[in-house]
């Protein structure tokens, strides 16, 4: 199997590491299974590859077959028979060997049966865990550390973080990171995407977070059931991506069934699938989907992670999530390149893109012990959606760059109504702020023998006036950068300043002396970072 350059680089770093517990990071769709199979083949030791769904077990087994690794699959006979067919389709032969020292298994199957596998598991020296961000010492994935006491653990994930903010450093001691999603898109290894955010028909403001860091599923299901989101998903699919092969991510089994029925009623062939759907039915549905006999697969807690369906062209998010890993996994489902797919379509009905500060294609700074952050964070990070074309754009822009629509503010009498845009302030607000600015620079002469209080007041007034002069110079530098480097007009420049610093340009000049000094420092720091 021919490996890509970034895959070779990641594999080399994994192979060269002396760590017994290493976490390898690649974006969704970048080929983690390929890399895992290659490492197993190169190490050539008794090994175990572990996943948490039967689709992922099949996918890993097929990856090992493509790498020429004979192995066994610890699973029920129907699953093994289906995997044999996959091997033959992919390589022309069956690579399953029931006495091999290399095995692929689901985590639940392993936990139920590991006592029967004592002779083999004590020999295992190489353990691989798919979707390894799930693991913690005290959960079921953490049992791998007990089941394979002599095994080196290599975890594979696209998102080395957890919604509950628990540290992956409790398990792993080293992390190796591949290229970003955007880098792989630019190089043609992943499909580019277009995002659409129709006005949400669901309000999740009252839904609390659960212990796992995501929304409380019971409350989320209740809020969703009271919304009109099921009809909106169908309407906007037909409006934005009619005829595309799509997946819709739902919040409950009832919602999945209702969503599939709504698609069918609108003439879109659809099926509902969930974790309890028999494996044979799930595999048959994917085959029909690939043959375009189905145009929509509606699912819950099933295809959010790992499943490779390159023909997928469109996803509809009907499930809100506060979990960044789940958001990225859903977002990445349609990004596999496929003939005839110019780009993937992401329709976000529940505000996930806005909630997670935009698309997950930015370069990220990952840590085993800290939450992720964007490596190149900028004042324009974030997103707003056009109410006309539903496309996202930077929140400081007054006009949608996609369709030219300019939403009108409901009022112009306060900075927050127009996002700090001075060109949209009404005359009364401008006059008031300019009057406040003028008072900052006023000074007065003290009479001989003035009271100490007056002396202190004069000194503070002079310091505030000086701070205003220094701030004005910083504003001039910042305005020049916004115009000459960013190419922004005055309106967008003012709005960008508001989003970057949380205050408009005029109000900034009415702050206290220490506040102006602190803002000046932040302005210059932002210019240095750029």
Protein backbone atom coordinates (compact mmCIF):
# COMPACT_ATOMS: atom_id res chain seq x y z
CA UNK A 1 0.00 0.00 0.00
CA UNK A 2 1.38 3.40 -1.02
CA UNK A 3 1.57 5.78 1.92
CA UNK A 4 1.32 9.55 1.71
CA UNK A 5 4.24 11.66 2.88
CA UNK A 6 2.53 12.89 6.06
CA UNK A 7 1.51 9.32 6.91
CA UNK A 8 5.09 8.15 6.51
CA UNK A 9 6.29 10.97 8.75
CA UNK A 10 3.77 10.17 11.49
CA UNK A 11 4.52 6.44 11.33
CA UNK A 12 8.26 7.12 11.61
CA UNK A 13 7.72 9.25 14.71
CA UNK A 14 5.55 6.57 16.29
CA UNK A 15 8.12 3.86 15.49
CA UNK A 16 11.03 5.92 16.79
CA UNK A 17 9.34 6.85 20.08
CA UNK A 18 10.55 5.15 23.23
CA UNK A 19 7.27 5.86 25.00
CA UNK A 20 5.16 2.93 26.14
CA UNK A 21 2.01 5.02 25.79
CA UNK A 22 1.93 7.27 22.76
CA UNK A 23 -1.00 9.14 21.22
CA UNK A 24 -0.98 9.74 17.44
CA UNK A 25 -3.14 12.55 16.04
CA UNK A 26 -4.43 12.88 12.48
CA UNK A 27 -7.50 14.77 11.21
CA UNK A 28 -10.69 12.92 10.41
CA UNK A 29 -10.31 11.27 7.01
CA UNK A 30 -6.50 11.48 6.94
CA UNK A 31 -5.91 7.73 7.18
CA UNK A 32 -5.44 6.76 10.83
CA UNK A 33 -6.45 3.17 10.03
CA UNK A 34 -3.83 2.98 7.28
CA UNK A 35 -1.16 4.26 9.67
CA UNK A 36 -2.24 1.86 12.42
CA UNK A 37 -2.09 -1.13 10.05
CA UNK A 38 1.35 -0.07 8.80
CA UNK A 39 2.74 0.15 12.34
CA UNK A 40 1.36 -3.31 13.16
CA UNK A 41 2.98 -4.71 10.01
CA UNK A 42 6.34 -3.04 10.68
CA UNK A 43 6.52 -4.11 14.32
CA UNK A 44 5.54 -7.70 13.47
CA UNK A 45 4.72 -8.59 17.07
CA UNK A 46 1.74 -10.20 18.79
CA UNK A 47 -0.74 -7.33 18.55
CA UNK A 48 -4.30 -6.30 19.31
CA UNK A 49 -6.24 -3.52 17.57
CA UNK A 50 -9.28 -2.35 19.53
CA UNK A 51 -12.30 -0.29 18.41
CA UNK A 52 -15.71 0.37 19.93
CA UNK A 53 -18.10 -0.35 17.04
CA UNK A 54 -18.34 -3.29 14.67
CA UNK A 55 -18.07 -0.95 11.65
CA UNK A 56 -14.71 0.20 12.97
CA UNK A 57 -13.60 -3.38 13.63
CA UNK A 58 -14.39 -4.19 9.99
CA UNK A 59 -12.57 -1.09 8.80
CA UNK A 60 -9.41 -1.87 10.81
CA UNK A 61 -9.44 -5.49 9.65
CA UNK A 62 -9.68 -4.37 6.03
CA UNK A 63 -6.79 -1.96 6.61
CA UNK A 64 -4.64 -4.80 7.96
CA UNK A 65 -5.59 -6.89 4.92
CA UNK A 66 -4.47 -4.11 2.59
CA UNK A 67 -1.15 -4.05 4.46
CA UNK A 68 -0.77 -7.83 3.98
CA UNK A 69 -1.16 -8.64 7.67
CA UNK A 70 -2.83 -11.96 8.42
CA UNK A 71 -4.89 -11.67 11.59
CA UNK A 72 -7.93 -12.95 13.40
CA UNK A 73 -11.15 -11.12 14.21
CA UNK A 74 -12.69 -11.77 17.61
CA UNK A 75 -16.37 -11.30 16.82
CA UNK A 76 -19.57 -13.14 15.96
CA UNK A 77 -19.65 -15.27 12.82
CA UNK A 78 -21.85 -12.88 10.72
CA UNK A 79 -19.40 -10.05 11.29
CA UNK A 80 -16.43 -12.25 10.36
CA UNK A 81 -18.18 -13.43 7.19
CA UNK A 82 -18.86 -9.85 6.16
CA UNK A 83 -15.23 -8.92 6.84
CA UNK A 84 -14.04 -11.81 4.66
CA UNK A 85 -16.10 -10.35 1.80
CA UNK A 86 -14.52 -6.97 2.42
CA UNK A 87 -11.03 -8.51 2.27
CA UNK A 88 -11.76 -10.20 -1.05
CA UNK A 89 -13.26 -7.01 -2.51
CA UNK A 90 -10.28 -4.95 -1.36
CA UNK A 91 -7.35 -7.34 -1.96
CA UNK A 92 -8.65 -10.34 -3.87
CA UNK A 93 -8.07 -12.74 -0.96
CA UNK A 94 -8.99 -13.50 2.65
CA UNK A 95 -6.44 -12.42 5.27
CA UNK A 96 -8.15 -13.91 8.33
CA UNK A 97 -6.17 -16.58 10.17
CA UNK A 98 -7.73 -17.97 13.34
CA UNK A 99 -4.38 -18.87 14.91
CA UNK A 100 -2.68 -15.53 14.19
CA UNK A 101 -1.07 -13.62 17.06
CA UNK A 102 -2.53 -10.38 15.63
CA UNK A 103 -6.19 -9.71 16.43
CA UNK A 104 -8.88 -7.09 15.90
CA UNK A 105 -11.68 -6.84 18.47
CA UNK A 106 -14.38 -4.56 19.83
CA UNK A 107 -13.79 -3.21 23.32
CA UNK A 108 -16.98 -4.72 24.76
CA UNK A 109 -16.27 -8.13 23.22
CA UNK A 110 -12.74 -8.02 24.60
CA UNK A 111 -13.89 -7.19 28.12
CA UNK A 112 -16.45 -10.01 28.07
CA UNK A 113 -14.04 -12.64 26.78
CA UNK A 114 -10.50 -11.71 27.79
CA UNK A 115 -10.31 -14.40 30.48
CA UNK A 116 -10.71 -17.01 27.74
CA UNK A 117 -7.75 -15.50 25.86
CA UNK A 118 -5.12 -15.64 28.61
CA UNK A 119 -2.44 -17.48 26.63
CA UNK A 120 -2.61 -14.98 23.76
CA UNK A 121 -3.16 -11.74 25.65
CA UNK A 122 -0.13 -12.30 27.87
CA UNK A 123 1.98 -12.53 24.71
CA UNK A 124 0.66 -9.28 23.20
CA UNK A 125 3.33 -6.61 22.98
CA UNK A 126 1.59 -4.09 20.73
CA UNK A 127 -1.86 -2.63 21.53
CA UNK A 128 -3.63 -0.10 19.32
CA UNK A 129 -6.74 1.83 20.33
CA UNK A 130 -8.94 3.58 17.77
CA UNK A 131 -10.72 6.82 18.82
CA UNK A 132 -8.35 6.90 21.77
CA UNK A 133 -9.68 10.15 23.24
CA UNK A 134 -12.27 7.95 24.98
CA UNK A 135 -9.73 6.32 27.28
CA UNK A 136 -9.37 7.14 30.97
CA UNK A 137 -7.81 4.94 33.67
CA UNK A 138 -11.18 4.32 35.31
CA UNK A 139 -13.43 3.61 32.30
CA UNK A 140 -13.88 0.56 30.08
CA UNK A 141 -11.20 1.62 27.61
CA UNK A 142 -8.80 1.95 30.51
CA UNK A 143 -9.19 -1.77 31.18
CA UNK A 144 -6.81 -2.31 28.24
CA UNK A 145 -4.00 -1.41 30.61
CA UNK A 146 -4.96 -4.37 32.82
CA UNK A 147 -5.86 -6.81 30.05
CA UNK A 148 -2.52 -6.36 28.26
CA UNK A 149 0.00 -5.84 31.09
CA UNK A 150 3.00 -6.29 28.76
CA UNK A 151 1.65 -4.34 25.80
CA UNK A 152 2.87 -1.03 24.43
CA UNK A 153 -0.20 1.22 23.91
CA UNK A 154 -0.58 3.39 20.81
CA UNK A 155 -3.72 5.51 20.63
CA UNK A 156 -5.13 7.02 17.43
CA UNK A 157 -7.48 10.00 17.31
CA UNK A 158 -8.41 13.14 15.39
CA UNK A 159 -9.28 15.04 18.56
CA UNK A 160 -6.95 14.53 21.55
CA UNK A 161 -9.33 16.15 24.02
CA UNK A 162 -12.45 15.33 25.98
CA UNK A 163 -15.70 17.21 26.55
CA UNK A 164 -15.37 16.65 30.30
CA UNK A 165 -11.89 18.27 30.19
CA UNK A 166 -10.27 15.21 31.79
CA UNK A 167 -6.60 14.86 30.94
CA UNK A 168 -5.38 12.31 28.40
CA UNK A 169 -2.03 12.70 30.13
CA UNK A 170 -3.37 10.33 32.76
CA UNK A 171 -2.86 7.56 30.18
CA UNK A 172 -0.45 8.80 27.52
CA UNK A 173 3.03 10.17 28.06
CA UNK A 174 3.77 11.41 24.53
CA UNK A 175 1.80 12.82 21.61
CA UNK A 176 2.74 13.06 17.93
CA UNK A 177 0.63 15.32 15.72
CA UNK A 178 0.18 15.28 11.96
CA UNK A 179 -0.93 18.10 9.63
CA UNK A 180 -4.09 20.14 10.11
CA UNK A 181 -7.38 19.55 8.32
CA UNK A 182 -6.90 22.74 6.25
CA UNK A 183 -3.41 21.64 5.18
CA UNK A 184 -4.78 18.32 3.93
CA UNK A 185 -7.64 20.10 2.13
CA UNK A 186 -5.19 22.43 0.40
CA UNK A 187 -3.11 19.43 -0.68
CA UNK A 188 -6.14 17.61 -2.07
CA UNK A 189 -6.18 14.79 0.48
CA UNK A 190 -9.51 15.93 1.91
CA UNK A 191 -12.47 17.54 0.20
CA UNK A 192 -13.15 21.21 0.86
CA UNK A 193 -16.51 22.17 2.33
CA UNK A 194 -19.29 24.72 2.32
CA UNK A 195 -21.17 25.44 5.54
CA UNK A 196 -24.78 26.54 5.77
CA UNK A 197 -26.46 27.67 8.98
CA UNK A 198 -30.21 28.13 8.54
CA UNK A 199 -31.98 30.00 11.34
CA UNK A 200 -32.25 27.51 14.21
CA UNK A 201 -35.71 26.28 15.13
CA UNK A 202 -34.50 24.93 18.47
CA UNK A 203 -33.51 26.79 21.63
CA UNK A 204 -31.09 24.87 23.81
CA UNK A 205 -30.35 27.74 26.18
CA UNK A 206 -32.12 25.93 29.03
CA UNK A 207 -30.29 22.61 28.51
CA UNK A 208 -27.57 22.07 31.16
CA UNK A 209 -24.30 20.22 30.68
CA UNK A 210 -23.99 16.70 32.02
CA UNK A 211 -21.00 15.18 33.82
CA UNK A 212 -19.43 14.10 30.53
CA UNK A 213 -19.22 17.74 29.39
CA UNK A 214 -21.91 17.43 26.71
CA UNK A 215 -25.54 18.51 26.94
CA UNK A 216 -27.81 16.52 29.20
CA UNK A 217 -29.26 14.09 26.68
CA UNK A 218 -32.64 13.69 28.36
CA UNK A 219 -33.24 17.45 28.40
CA UNK A 220 -31.83 17.84 24.90
CA UNK A 221 -34.19 15.18 23.56
CA UNK A 222 -37.14 16.90 25.22
CA UNK A 223 -36.25 20.32 23.75
CA UNK A 224 -35.68 18.80 20.32
CA UNK A 225 -39.03 16.99 20.34
CA UNK A 226 -40.82 20.31 20.92
CA UNK A 227 -39.06 22.04 18.02
CA UNK A 228 -39.84 21.99 14.30
CA UNK A 229 -36.33 20.88 13.38
CA UNK A 230 -37.42 17.66 11.65
CA UNK A 231 -39.29 19.54 8.94
CA UNK A 232 -36.57 22.17 8.64
CA UNK A 233 -33.91 19.52 7.99
CA UNK A 234 -35.88 18.21 5.00
CA UNK A 235 -36.73 21.69 3.71
CA UNK A 236 -33.15 22.95 3.77
CA UNK A 237 -31.70 19.72 2.35
CA UNK A 238 -34.02 20.10 -0.65
CA UNK A 239 -33.11 23.76 -0.92
CA UNK A 240 -29.33 23.50 -0.46
CA UNK A 241 -28.25 20.01 -1.59
CA UNK A 242 -31.11 18.21 -3.37
CA UNK A 243 -30.14 14.74 -4.53
CA UNK A 244 -26.90 14.66 -2.52
CA UNK A 245 -25.98 11.57 -0.52
CA UNK A 246 -26.56 12.78 3.01
CA UNK A 247 -26.40 11.77 6.65
CA UNK A 248 -28.48 13.43 9.33
CA UNK A 249 -27.25 13.25 12.93
CA UNK A 250 -30.17 13.18 15.36
CA UNK A 251 -30.53 13.24 19.13
CA UNK A 252 -32.73 10.20 19.83
CA UNK A 253 -34.13 7.01 18.34
CA UNK A 254 -37.59 8.59 18.07
CA UNK A 255 -36.13 11.63 16.30
CA UNK A 256 -34.23 9.38 13.87
CA UNK A 257 -37.38 7.48 12.91
CA UNK A 258 -39.41 10.67 12.51
CA UNK A 259 -36.65 12.30 10.47
CA UNK A 260 -36.38 9.36 8.07
CA UNK A 261 -40.17 9.31 7.69
CA UNK A 262 -40.18 13.03 6.90
CA UNK A 263 -37.55 12.55 4.19
CA UNK A 264 -39.51 9.67 2.65
CA UNK A 265 -42.71 11.72 2.71
CA UNK A 266 -40.89 14.40 0.72
CA UNK A 267 -39.76 11.86 -1.88
CA UNK A 268 -36.21 11.41 -0.54
CA UNK A 269 -35.33 7.70 -0.01
CA UNK A 270 -34.18 7.47 3.61
CA UNK A 271 -33.59 5.00 6.42
CA UNK A 272 -33.23 5.30 10.18
CA UNK A 273 -30.34 3.54 11.95
CA UNK A 274 -29.21 3.42 15.55
CA UNK A 275 -26.83 1.43 17.73
CA UNK A 276 -29.46 -1.28 18.22
CA UNK A 277 -30.04 -1.83 14.51
CA UNK A 278 -28.74 -5.33 13.59
CA UNK A 279 -25.31 -5.28 12.01
CA UNK A 280 -26.53 -6.92 8.83
CA UNK A 281 -29.17 -4.24 8.35
CA UNK A 282 -26.60 -1.50 8.90
CA UNK A 283 -24.22 -3.01 6.36
CA UNK A 284 -27.06 -3.44 3.84
CA UNK A 285 -28.07 0.20 4.33
CA UNK A 286 -24.52 1.39 3.61
CA UNK A 287 -24.43 -0.71 0.43
CA UNK A 288 -27.74 0.76 -0.75
CA UNK A 289 -26.46 4.21 0.12
CA UNK A 290 -23.31 3.75 -1.95
CA UNK A 291 -25.49 2.61 -4.87
CA UNK A 292 -27.74 5.69 -4.40
CA UNK A 293 -30.76 3.56 -3.63
CA UNK A 294 -30.86 5.58 -0.44
CA UNK A 295 -30.16 9.31 -0.36
CA UNK A 296 -30.38 9.86 3.39
CA UNK A 297 -29.19 7.89 6.41
CA UNK A 298 -30.60 9.26 9.66
CA UNK A 299 -28.69 8.04 12.68
CA UNK A 300 -28.10 8.52 16.38
CA UNK A 301 -24.87 7.60 18.21
CA UNK A 302 -23.70 5.45 15.31
CA UNK A 303 -21.77 7.15 12.50
CA UNK A 304 -20.28 10.03 14.45
CA UNK A 305 -16.85 8.40 14.65
CA UNK A 306 -14.48 6.61 12.36
CA UNK A 307 -16.75 5.22 9.65
CA UNK A 308 -15.29 5.76 6.19
CA UNK A 309 -17.98 6.53 3.58
CA UNK A 310 -16.22 8.48 0.80
CA UNK A 311 -19.39 8.86 -1.30
CA UNK A 312 -21.05 10.92 1.47
CA UNK A 313 -21.65 14.42 0.10
CA UNK A 314 -23.71 16.21 2.73
CA UNK A 315 -24.37 16.10 6.47
CA UNK A 316 -27.17 17.74 8.42
CA UNK A 317 -26.50 18.40 12.11
CA UNK A 318 -29.81 18.05 13.97
CA UNK A 319 -28.03 17.24 17.22
CA UNK A 320 -26.50 20.02 19.29
CA UNK A 321 -23.28 19.14 21.09
CA UNK A 322 -20.97 20.93 23.49
CA UNK A 323 -18.34 18.24 22.83
CA UNK A 324 -15.61 19.45 20.49
CA UNK A 325 -14.52 15.88 19.61
CA UNK A 326 -18.06 14.92 18.60
CA UNK A 327 -18.47 18.14 16.60
CA UNK A 328 -15.25 17.48 14.68
CA UNK A 329 -16.16 13.86 14.05
CA UNK A 330 -19.57 14.79 12.63
CA UNK A 331 -18.08 17.61 10.58
CA UNK A 332 -15.41 15.33 9.12
CA UNK A 333 -17.74 12.58 7.88
CA UNK A 334 -18.21 13.99 4.33
CA UNK A 335 -14.62 15.21 3.82
CA UNK A 336 -13.28 12.04 2.18
CA UNK A 337 -12.52 12.83 -1.47
CA UNK A 338 -14.63 11.00 -4.02
CA UNK A 339 -14.98 11.28 -7.82
CA UNK A 340 -17.54 13.89 -8.75
CA UNK A 341 -17.56 15.53 -5.29
CA UNK A 342 -16.39 19.16 -5.74
CA UNK A 343 -16.94 19.91 -2.06
CA UNK A 344 -18.79 18.63 0.99
CA UNK A 345 -21.90 20.35 2.30
CA UNK A 346 -22.39 20.87 6.04
CA UNK A 347 -25.86 22.07 7.10
CA UNK A 348 -25.83 23.11 10.74
CA UNK A 349 -29.36 23.39 12.17
CA UNK A 350 -28.34 23.61 15.83
CA UNK A 351 -25.53 26.18 16.00
CA UNK A 352 -22.64 23.74 16.46
CA UNK A 353 -20.32 25.71 14.15
CA UNK A 354 -20.98 28.96 16.00
CA UNK A 355 -20.73 27.19 19.38
CA UNK A 356 -17.27 25.85 18.55
CA UNK A 357 -15.99 29.09 17.07
CA UNK A 358 -16.08 28.13 13.40
CA UNK A 359 -15.03 25.21 11.24
CA UNK A 360 -12.45 22.77 12.67
CA UNK A 361 -9.96 23.30 9.84
CA UNK A 362 -7.68 25.71 11.71
CA UNK A 363 -4.29 24.62 12.98
CA UNK A 364 -4.72 23.56 16.59
CA UNK A 365 -2.39 23.54 19.56
CA UNK A 366 -2.97 20.21 21.31
CA UNK A 367 -1.83 19.19 24.75
CA UNK A 368 -2.23 16.02 26.78
CA UNK A 369 -3.00 18.10 29.85
CA UNK A 370 -4.83 21.23 28.61
CA UNK A 371 -7.88 22.09 26.49
CA UNK A 372 -7.14 22.68 22.79
CA UNK A 373 -6.80 26.14 21.33
CA UNK A 374 -6.37 27.51 17.85
CA UNK A 375 -2.70 27.92 17.11
CA UNK A 376 -3.31 31.10 15.11
CA UNK A 377 -6.15 32.71 17.00
CA UNK A 378 -7.10 36.14 15.66
CA UNK A 379 -9.58 38.88 16.54
CA UNK A 380 -11.80 37.70 13.68
CA UNK A 381 -12.19 34.16 15.03
CA UNK A 382 -15.84 33.22 15.26
CA UNK A 383 -18.67 33.11 12.79
CA UNK A 384 -22.02 34.63 11.94
CA UNK A 385 -24.48 33.27 9.40
CA UNK A 386 -26.18 35.29 6.70
CA UNK A 387 -29.96 35.26 7.11
CA UNK A 388 -30.40 35.25 3.33
CA UNK A 389 -27.97 32.64 1.92
CA UNK A 390 -27.20 30.84 5.25
CA UNK A 391 -23.43 30.96 4.57
CA UNK A 392 -20.97 31.84 7.36
CA UNK A 393 -18.67 34.83 7.40
CA UNK A 394 -16.42 36.69 9.82
CA UNK A 395 -18.59 38.40 12.43
CA UNK A 396 -16.99 41.84 12.05
CA UNK A 397 -18.07 42.18 8.40
CA UNK A 398 -21.16 44.31 7.88
CA UNK A 399 -22.03 42.79 4.49
CA UNK A 400 -22.21 39.08 3.65
CA UNK A 401 -19.31 38.39 1.23
CA UNK A 402 -21.26 35.54 -0.38
CA UNK A 403 -24.52 37.25 -1.41
CA UNK A 404 -24.01 40.94 -0.50
CA UNK A 405 -26.84 41.11 2.03
CA UNK A 406 -26.38 43.74 4.75
CA UNK A 407 -28.57 43.16 7.83
CA UNK A 408 -29.89 46.36 9.34
CA UNK A 409 -29.40 46.96 13.09
CA UNK A 410 -32.53 47.29 15.15
CA UNK A 411 -31.11 50.45 16.74
CA UNK A 412 -28.12 52.78 16.31
CA UNK A 413 -28.19 54.34 19.76
CA UNK A 414 -25.69 52.02 21.50
CA UNK A 415 -22.38 50.45 20.42
CA UNK A 416 -23.59 46.88 20.93
CA UNK A 417 -26.47 47.39 18.49
CA UNK A 418 -24.05 47.94 15.59
CA UNK A 419 -21.04 45.99 16.87
CA UNK A 420 -19.03 49.15 17.53
CA UNK A 421 -19.38 50.49 13.97
CA UNK A 422 -18.96 54.28 14.26
CA UNK A 423 -20.32 54.80 10.75
CA UNK A 424 -23.70 53.47 11.94
CA UNK A 425 -23.95 55.37 15.24
CA UNK A 426 -26.77 57.89 15.36
CA UNK A 427 -25.92 61.59 15.74
CA UNK A 428 -26.87 61.73 19.42
CA UNK A 429 -24.59 58.83 20.36
CA UNK A 430 -21.66 60.28 18.39
CA UNK A 431 -22.08 63.69 20.01
CA UNK A 432 -22.24 62.21 23.49
CA UNK A 433 -19.12 60.08 23.05
CA UNK A 434 -17.12 62.90 21.47
CA UNK A 435 -18.10 65.15 24.35
CA UNK A 436 -16.87 62.55 26.85
CA UNK A 437 -13.58 62.25 24.95
CA UNK A 438 -13.06 66.02 25.05
CA UNK A 439 -13.44 66.14 28.83
CA UNK A 440 -10.62 63.63 29.26
CA UNK A 441 -8.04 66.11 27.95
CA UNK A 442 -9.18 69.14 30.00
CA UNK A 443 -6.78 70.51 32.59
CA UNK A 444 -6.99 73.39 35.02
CA UNK A 445 -4.49 75.55 36.89
CA UNK A 446 -4.20 75.16 40.64
CA UNK A 447 -4.21 78.21 42.90
CA UNK A 448 -1.36 78.63 45.39
CA UNK A 449 -1.98 76.63 48.51
CA UNK A 450 -4.45 74.26 46.80
CA UNK A 451 -5.73 71.37 48.89
CA UNK A 452 -3.92 68.01 48.55
CA UNK A 453 -7.08 66.53 47.12
CA UNK A 454 -6.99 69.05 44.25
CA UNK A 455 -3.31 68.28 43.61
CA UNK A 456 -4.05 64.56 43.35
CA UNK A 457 -7.02 65.28 41.06
CA UNK A 458 -4.87 67.38 38.75
CA UNK A 459 -2.17 64.69 38.61
CA UNK A 460 -4.75 62.00 37.80
CA UNK A 461 -6.30 64.21 35.13
CA UNK A 462 -2.94 64.77 33.47
CA UNK A 463 -2.09 61.06 33.60
CA UNK A 464 -5.44 60.20 32.01
CA UNK A 465 -4.91 62.82 29.27
CA UNK A 466 -1.43 61.43 28.55
CA UNK A 467 -2.83 57.87 28.46
CA UNK A 468 -5.39 59.06 25.91
CA UNK A 469 -2.65 60.52 23.68
CA UNK A 470 -0.68 57.25 23.81
CA UNK A 471 -3.85 55.26 23.10
CA UNK A 472 -4.65 57.45 20.08
CA UNK A 473 -1.23 56.65 18.62
CA UNK A 474 -1.88 52.93 19.12
CA UNK A 475 -5.30 53.33 17.45
CA UNK A 476 -3.61 54.98 14.49
CA UNK A 477 -1.20 52.07 14.12
CA UNK A 478 -4.03 49.56 14.44
CA UNK A 479 -6.19 51.41 11.92
CA UNK A 480 -3.31 51.43 9.44
CA UNK A 481 -2.88 47.68 9.86
CA UNK A 482 -6.61 47.06 9.36
CA UNK A 483 -6.65 49.17 6.19
CA UNK A 484 -3.31 48.33 4.58
CA UNK A 485 -2.82 44.71 5.67
CA UNK A 486 -6.37 43.43 6.10
CA UNK A 487 -7.79 45.62 3.33
CA UNK A 488 -10.80 46.67 5.42
CA UNK A 489 -12.95 49.74 4.95
CA UNK A 490 -13.68 52.03 7.89
CA UNK A 491 -16.92 50.27 8.82
CA UNK A 492 -15.40 46.77 8.99
CA UNK A 493 -12.28 48.15 10.68
CA UNK A 494 -14.34 49.62 13.51
CA UNK A 495 -16.32 46.40 13.85
CA UNK A 496 -13.16 44.27 13.93
CA UNK A 497 -11.80 46.47 16.73
CA UNK A 498 -15.01 45.90 18.68
CA UNK A 499 -14.73 42.12 18.30
CA UNK A 500 -11.02 42.13 19.12
CA UNK A 501 -11.08 44.29 22.25
CA UNK A 502 -14.70 44.39 23.45
CA UNK A 503 -15.00 48.19 23.23
CA UNK A 504 -15.59 50.65 20.38
CA UNK A 505 -12.95 53.16 19.28
CA UNK A 506 -14.67 56.21 20.77
CA UNK A 507 -15.61 54.69 24.13
CA UNK A 508 -12.03 53.40 24.45
CA UNK A 509 -10.86 57.04 24.67
CA UNK A 510 -13.16 57.74 27.64
CA UNK A 511 -11.81 54.97 29.88
CA UNK A 512 -9.78 55.57 33.03
CA UNK A 513 -6.05 56.10 32.69
CA UNK A 514 -5.09 52.57 33.80
CA UNK A 515 -7.76 51.05 31.54
CA UNK A 516 -6.47 53.02 28.54
CA UNK A 517 -2.91 51.95 29.33
CA UNK A 518 -3.97 48.30 29.54
CA UNK A 519 -5.87 48.57 26.22
CA UNK A 520 -2.88 50.23 24.56
CA UNK A 521 -0.69 47.31 25.60
CA UNK A 522 -3.23 44.81 24.20
CA UNK A 523 -3.38 46.69 20.88
CA UNK A 524 0.39 46.64 20.41
CA UNK A 525 0.55 42.99 21.50
CA UNK A 526 -2.04 42.09 18.84
CA UNK A 527 0.01 43.84 16.15
CA UNK A 528 3.16 41.98 17.23
CA UNK A 529 1.32 38.63 17.13
CA UNK A 530 0.11 39.36 13.61
